[in-house]
N, C-alpha and C. Protein backbone atom coordinates (compact mmCIF):
# COMPACT_ATOMS: atom_id res chain seq x y z
N MET A 1 -21.75 7.33 30.18
CA MET A 1 -20.40 7.01 30.60
C MET A 1 -19.56 6.71 29.36
N LYS A 2 -18.31 7.10 29.41
CA LYS A 2 -17.42 6.86 28.29
C LYS A 2 -17.07 5.38 28.19
N VAL A 3 -17.06 4.89 26.98
CA VAL A 3 -16.80 3.47 26.73
C VAL A 3 -15.38 3.11 27.12
N ASN A 4 -14.42 4.02 26.90
CA ASN A 4 -13.03 3.67 27.21
C ASN A 4 -12.78 3.55 28.71
N LEU A 5 -13.69 4.03 29.54
CA LEU A 5 -13.57 3.82 30.97
C LEU A 5 -14.02 2.42 31.36
N LEU A 6 -14.91 1.84 30.56
CA LEU A 6 -15.40 0.49 30.84
C LEU A 6 -14.46 -0.58 30.32
N ASP A 7 -13.74 -0.30 29.24
CA ASP A 7 -12.84 -1.28 28.63
C ASP A 7 -11.48 -0.63 28.43
N GLY A 8 -10.48 -1.13 29.13
CA GLY A 8 -9.14 -0.57 29.06
C GLY A 8 -8.45 -0.79 27.73
N ASN A 9 -9.00 -1.67 26.87
CA ASN A 9 -8.40 -1.93 25.55
C ASN A 9 -8.76 -0.86 24.53
N ILE A 10 -9.75 -0.05 24.82
CA ILE A 10 -10.19 0.99 23.89
C ILE A 10 -9.33 2.23 24.12
N PRO A 11 -8.69 2.74 23.06
CA PRO A 11 -7.81 3.90 23.24
C PRO A 11 -8.60 5.14 23.64
N ILE A 12 -7.94 6.02 24.35
CA ILE A 12 -8.58 7.24 24.84
C ILE A 12 -8.66 8.31 23.75
N ASP A 13 -7.85 8.18 22.71
CA ASP A 13 -7.87 9.15 21.61
C ASP A 13 -7.98 8.42 20.28
N ASN A 14 -8.04 9.18 19.20
CA ASN A 14 -8.17 8.58 17.88
C ASN A 14 -6.91 8.81 17.04
N ASN A 15 -5.75 8.89 17.68
CA ASN A 15 -4.51 9.15 16.97
C ASN A 15 -4.20 8.08 15.92
N ALA A 16 -4.47 6.83 16.23
CA ALA A 16 -4.20 5.75 15.27
C ALA A 16 -5.06 5.94 14.01
N SER A 17 -6.31 6.33 14.20
CA SER A 17 -7.19 6.58 13.05
C SER A 17 -6.70 7.77 12.24
N GLU A 18 -6.26 8.80 12.92
CA GLU A 18 -5.75 9.99 12.22
C GLU A 18 -4.51 9.65 11.40
N ARG A 19 -3.61 8.85 11.96
CA ARG A 19 -2.40 8.45 11.22
C ARG A 19 -2.74 7.59 10.02
N ALA A 20 -3.76 6.76 10.13
CA ALA A 20 -4.15 5.89 9.02
C ALA A 20 -4.74 6.69 7.86
N VAL A 21 -5.44 7.76 8.16
CA VAL A 21 -6.11 8.57 7.14
C VAL A 21 -5.16 9.60 6.53
N ASN A 22 -4.09 9.95 7.22
CA ASN A 22 -3.19 11.01 6.78
C ASN A 22 -2.67 10.85 5.35
N PRO A 23 -2.16 9.68 4.94
CA PRO A 23 -1.68 9.56 3.55
C PRO A 23 -2.78 9.84 2.52
N PHE A 24 -3.98 9.43 2.82
CA PHE A 24 -5.10 9.67 1.91
C PHE A 24 -5.38 11.16 1.78
N VAL A 25 -5.37 11.87 2.90
CA VAL A 25 -5.65 13.30 2.91
C VAL A 25 -4.55 14.06 2.17
N MET A 26 -3.32 13.63 2.31
CA MET A 26 -2.19 14.31 1.68
C MET A 26 -2.26 14.26 0.15
N HIS A 27 -2.96 13.28 -0.40
CA HIS A 27 -3.04 13.14 -1.85
C HIS A 27 -4.24 13.85 -2.47
N ARG A 28 -5.05 14.50 -1.67
CA ARG A 28 -6.23 15.18 -2.21
C ARG A 28 -5.89 16.18 -3.30
N LYS A 29 -4.87 16.99 -3.08
CA LYS A 29 -4.49 18.01 -4.07
C LYS A 29 -4.05 17.37 -5.38
N ALA A 30 -3.33 16.27 -5.30
CA ALA A 30 -2.85 15.59 -6.51
C ALA A 30 -4.04 15.07 -7.33
N TRP A 31 -5.11 14.69 -6.65
CA TRP A 31 -6.26 14.13 -7.36
C TRP A 31 -7.06 15.20 -8.11
N LEU A 32 -6.75 16.46 -7.90
CA LEU A 32 -7.42 17.51 -8.67
C LEU A 32 -7.09 17.39 -10.16
N PHE A 33 -5.97 16.74 -10.46
CA PHE A 33 -5.54 16.60 -11.85
C PHE A 33 -6.09 15.35 -12.52
N CYS A 34 -6.92 14.60 -11.83
CA CYS A 34 -7.58 13.44 -12.42
C CYS A 34 -8.81 13.94 -13.16
N ASN A 35 -8.64 14.20 -14.45
CA ASN A 35 -9.72 14.82 -15.24
C ASN A 35 -10.70 13.82 -15.82
N THR A 36 -10.34 12.56 -15.88
CA THR A 36 -11.22 11.55 -16.47
C THR A 36 -11.36 10.38 -15.50
N PRO A 37 -12.36 9.54 -15.70
CA PRO A 37 -12.48 8.34 -14.87
C PRO A 37 -11.26 7.42 -14.97
N ASN A 38 -10.64 7.36 -16.15
CA ASN A 38 -9.44 6.53 -16.29
C ASN A 38 -8.29 7.07 -15.46
N ASP A 39 -8.15 8.40 -15.41
CA ASP A 39 -7.13 9.01 -14.56
C ASP A 39 -7.36 8.65 -13.10
N ALA A 40 -8.60 8.74 -12.67
CA ALA A 40 -8.94 8.43 -11.29
C ALA A 40 -8.69 6.96 -10.98
N ASP A 41 -9.02 6.07 -11.91
CA ASP A 41 -8.76 4.64 -11.72
C ASP A 41 -7.26 4.36 -11.58
N ALA A 42 -6.46 4.95 -12.46
CA ALA A 42 -5.01 4.75 -12.42
C ALA A 42 -4.44 5.28 -11.10
N SER A 43 -4.87 6.45 -10.68
CA SER A 43 -4.40 7.03 -9.43
C SER A 43 -4.78 6.15 -8.25
N GLY A 44 -5.99 5.64 -8.25
CA GLY A 44 -6.44 4.76 -7.17
C GLY A 44 -5.66 3.46 -7.12
N ILE A 45 -5.33 2.92 -8.28
CA ILE A 45 -4.55 1.67 -8.33
C ILE A 45 -3.16 1.88 -7.76
N ILE A 46 -2.49 2.95 -8.20
CA ILE A 46 -1.15 3.24 -7.71
C ILE A 46 -1.18 3.51 -6.21
N TYR A 47 -2.15 4.30 -5.77
CA TYR A 47 -2.29 4.60 -4.34
C TYR A 47 -2.48 3.31 -3.54
N SER A 48 -3.31 2.41 -4.03
CA SER A 48 -3.57 1.15 -3.36
C SER A 48 -2.31 0.29 -3.28
N ILE A 49 -1.55 0.24 -4.37
CA ILE A 49 -0.31 -0.55 -4.38
C ILE A 49 0.69 0.03 -3.37
N VAL A 50 0.85 1.33 -3.36
CA VAL A 50 1.81 1.97 -2.45
C VAL A 50 1.42 1.73 -0.99
N GLU A 51 0.17 1.95 -0.64
CA GLU A 51 -0.26 1.79 0.75
C GLU A 51 -0.22 0.33 1.18
N THR A 52 -0.52 -0.61 0.28
CA THR A 52 -0.43 -2.03 0.61
C THR A 52 1.02 -2.43 0.81
N ALA A 53 1.91 -1.88 -0.01
CA ALA A 53 3.34 -2.16 0.15
C ALA A 53 3.82 -1.67 1.51
N LYS A 54 3.43 -0.45 1.88
CA LYS A 54 3.83 0.09 3.19
C LYS A 54 3.29 -0.78 4.32
N ALA A 55 2.04 -1.20 4.22
CA ALA A 55 1.42 -2.00 5.26
C ALA A 55 2.09 -3.36 5.42
N ASN A 56 2.74 -3.83 4.35
CA ASN A 56 3.42 -5.12 4.39
C ASN A 56 4.92 -4.99 4.59
N GLY A 57 5.37 -3.82 5.00
CA GLY A 57 6.77 -3.63 5.33
C GLY A 57 7.69 -3.57 4.13
N LEU A 58 7.21 -3.01 3.03
CA LEU A 58 8.05 -2.87 1.84
C LEU A 58 8.45 -1.42 1.63
N HIS A 59 9.57 -1.25 0.99
CA HIS A 59 10.03 0.09 0.60
C HIS A 59 9.38 0.38 -0.75
N HIS A 60 8.33 1.19 -0.77
CA HIS A 60 7.53 1.35 -1.98
C HIS A 60 8.30 1.99 -3.13
N TYR A 61 9.34 2.77 -2.84
CA TYR A 61 10.14 3.36 -3.92
C TYR A 61 10.94 2.30 -4.66
N ASN A 62 11.23 1.19 -4.01
CA ASN A 62 11.91 0.08 -4.68
C ASN A 62 10.92 -0.95 -5.20
N TYR A 63 9.78 -1.08 -4.53
CA TYR A 63 8.79 -2.08 -4.92
C TYR A 63 8.10 -1.72 -6.24
N LEU A 64 7.73 -0.46 -6.43
CA LEU A 64 7.06 -0.05 -7.68
C LEU A 64 7.93 -0.29 -8.91
N PRO A 65 9.21 0.14 -8.92
CA PRO A 65 10.05 -0.17 -10.09
C PRO A 65 10.22 -1.66 -10.30
N TYR A 66 10.30 -2.42 -9.20
CA TYR A 66 10.41 -3.87 -9.32
C TYR A 66 9.19 -4.44 -10.05
N LEU A 67 8.00 -3.97 -9.68
CA LEU A 67 6.78 -4.41 -10.38
C LEU A 67 6.81 -4.02 -11.85
N LEU A 68 7.19 -2.75 -12.11
CA LEU A 68 7.17 -2.24 -13.48
C LEU A 68 8.24 -2.88 -14.37
N GLU A 69 9.28 -3.44 -13.76
CA GLU A 69 10.29 -4.16 -14.53
C GLU A 69 9.88 -5.60 -14.80
N ASN A 70 9.16 -6.22 -13.87
CA ASN A 70 8.88 -7.64 -13.97
C ASN A 70 7.54 -7.98 -14.62
N ILE A 71 6.54 -7.17 -14.47
CA ILE A 71 5.24 -7.48 -15.07
C ILE A 71 5.32 -7.51 -16.60
N PRO A 72 6.01 -6.58 -17.27
CA PRO A 72 6.07 -6.64 -18.74
C PRO A 72 6.75 -7.91 -19.28
N LYS A 73 7.58 -8.53 -18.48
CA LYS A 73 8.24 -9.77 -18.92
C LYS A 73 7.25 -10.91 -19.10
N HIS A 74 6.06 -10.77 -18.52
CA HIS A 74 5.06 -11.84 -18.55
C HIS A 74 3.80 -11.45 -19.31
N MET A 75 3.87 -10.43 -20.12
CA MET A 75 2.67 -9.93 -20.82
C MET A 75 2.06 -10.98 -21.75
N SER A 76 2.87 -11.85 -22.30
CA SER A 76 2.33 -12.85 -23.23
C SER A 76 1.96 -14.16 -22.52
N ASP A 77 2.21 -14.24 -21.22
CA ASP A 77 1.87 -15.46 -20.48
C ASP A 77 0.36 -15.61 -20.34
N ARG A 78 -0.10 -16.82 -20.50
CA ARG A 78 -1.50 -17.11 -20.23
C ARG A 78 -1.69 -17.56 -18.79
N ASN A 79 -0.62 -18.07 -18.21
CA ASN A 79 -0.63 -18.50 -16.83
C ASN A 79 -0.23 -17.32 -15.95
N LEU A 80 -1.07 -16.96 -15.00
CA LEU A 80 -0.83 -15.79 -14.16
C LEU A 80 -0.22 -16.14 -12.80
N ASN A 81 0.34 -17.34 -12.68
CA ASN A 81 0.93 -17.74 -11.40
C ASN A 81 2.13 -16.88 -11.01
N PHE A 82 2.76 -16.23 -11.97
CA PHE A 82 3.90 -15.37 -11.66
C PHE A 82 3.50 -14.22 -10.72
N LEU A 83 2.22 -13.87 -10.72
CA LEU A 83 1.76 -12.77 -9.87
C LEU A 83 1.93 -13.09 -8.38
N GLN A 84 1.90 -14.37 -8.03
CA GLN A 84 2.07 -14.75 -6.62
C GLN A 84 3.41 -14.28 -6.08
N ASP A 85 4.44 -14.28 -6.93
CA ASP A 85 5.78 -13.85 -6.50
C ASP A 85 5.92 -12.33 -6.44
N LEU A 86 4.96 -11.60 -6.98
CA LEU A 86 5.03 -10.14 -6.99
C LEU A 86 4.17 -9.50 -5.91
N LEU A 87 3.36 -10.28 -5.23
CA LEU A 87 2.49 -9.73 -4.19
C LEU A 87 3.31 -9.19 -3.03
N PRO A 88 2.83 -8.17 -2.34
CA PRO A 88 3.62 -7.53 -1.28
C PRO A 88 4.00 -8.45 -0.13
N TRP A 89 3.29 -9.52 0.09
CA TRP A 89 3.59 -10.43 1.19
C TRP A 89 4.36 -11.66 0.73
N SER A 90 4.80 -11.66 -0.52
CA SER A 90 5.53 -12.80 -1.06
C SER A 90 6.94 -12.88 -0.50
N PRO A 91 7.36 -14.07 -0.04
CA PRO A 91 8.75 -14.22 0.41
C PRO A 91 9.75 -14.19 -0.74
N ALA A 92 9.27 -14.25 -1.99
CA ALA A 92 10.15 -14.25 -3.16
C ALA A 92 10.63 -12.86 -3.55
N LEU A 93 10.12 -11.82 -2.91
CA LEU A 93 10.54 -10.46 -3.24
C LEU A 93 12.00 -10.25 -2.85
N PRO A 94 12.73 -9.48 -3.63
CA PRO A 94 14.14 -9.24 -3.30
C PRO A 94 14.28 -8.37 -2.05
N ASP A 95 15.43 -8.47 -1.42
CA ASP A 95 15.68 -7.73 -0.18
C ASP A 95 15.64 -6.22 -0.39
N LYS A 96 15.93 -5.76 -1.61
CA LYS A 96 15.91 -4.31 -1.85
C LYS A 96 14.51 -3.72 -1.67
N CYS A 97 13.48 -4.55 -1.77
CA CYS A 97 12.11 -4.08 -1.61
C CYS A 97 11.65 -4.08 -0.15
N LYS A 98 12.39 -4.78 0.69
CA LYS A 98 11.95 -4.93 2.08
C LYS A 98 12.61 -3.88 2.96
N VAL A 99 11.81 -3.31 3.86
CA VAL A 99 12.31 -2.34 4.83
C VAL A 99 12.80 -3.12 6.04
N LYS A 100 13.95 -2.78 6.52
CA LYS A 100 14.52 -3.44 7.69
C LYS A 100 13.86 -2.94 8.95
N ASN A 101 13.70 -3.84 9.93
CA ASN A 101 13.20 -3.50 11.27
C ASN A 101 11.85 -2.80 11.23
N VAL A 102 10.86 -3.43 10.60
CA VAL A 102 9.53 -2.86 10.53
C VAL A 102 8.63 -3.57 11.53
N ASP A 103 7.89 -2.80 12.29
CA ASP A 103 6.94 -3.35 13.25
C ASP A 103 5.56 -3.27 12.61
N LEU A 104 5.05 -4.41 12.14
CA LEU A 104 3.74 -4.45 11.48
C LEU A 104 2.67 -4.72 12.54
N LYS A 105 1.97 -3.67 12.92
CA LYS A 105 0.91 -3.83 13.93
C LYS A 105 -0.43 -3.89 13.27
């Protein structure tokens, strides 16, 4: 017997899973140009930042430049507390980084 017939909370299809995997699949061709482990690490870091920003309701095209402008200002700091204000869920982020009317499910 199908499990979704026993529990109405289980979806009948896997559309949510397909949508979650889609951004990853779309980047496969771009990863062909990762010729070294360092290239792959850098690509993975950027991909992770972008997807985490999207998941937290941020406009990643504005969030990435914001990070790249603010992190170098603290390169000589020994105290890393400034990173708390740069995290995607930080209330200290400027409004330009936030997407309006986002439903975070």
